[in-house]
């Protein structure tokens, strides 16, 4: 899998963690969670990306503003674009399909084959 896929997975991991039950996530806990989640997905190397850069990318791609609360000592989702949930859901579905196709070469062949049969 490419670095784009890895980067997108990192962003989704961050969003999913911040949308969890806990309102504020300390930086150390968030970084540990990201590392563990990425390792489970097969990315063993540490990315040179910083959490701040990931947060900027989340803002520009998803319209989700993530802030750090000094008093609570943690990151939280400050604001979301109201149209984002629909786009976010569509992105997740497409991303899951892409991962399935990349991970299973037989699945990719099956999908192409069925598409050819449907056109006849």
Foldseek 3Di string as FASTA:
>chain_A
DDPVLLLVVLLVQLVVVQPDPDAFDAPVRSVVSSQVVSVVVPDNDDDPDDPVVSQVVCCVPQVWHWDADPVVNGIHTPDGDPPRVVVVVVVVVVSVVVVVCVVDVVVVVVVVVVVVVVVD
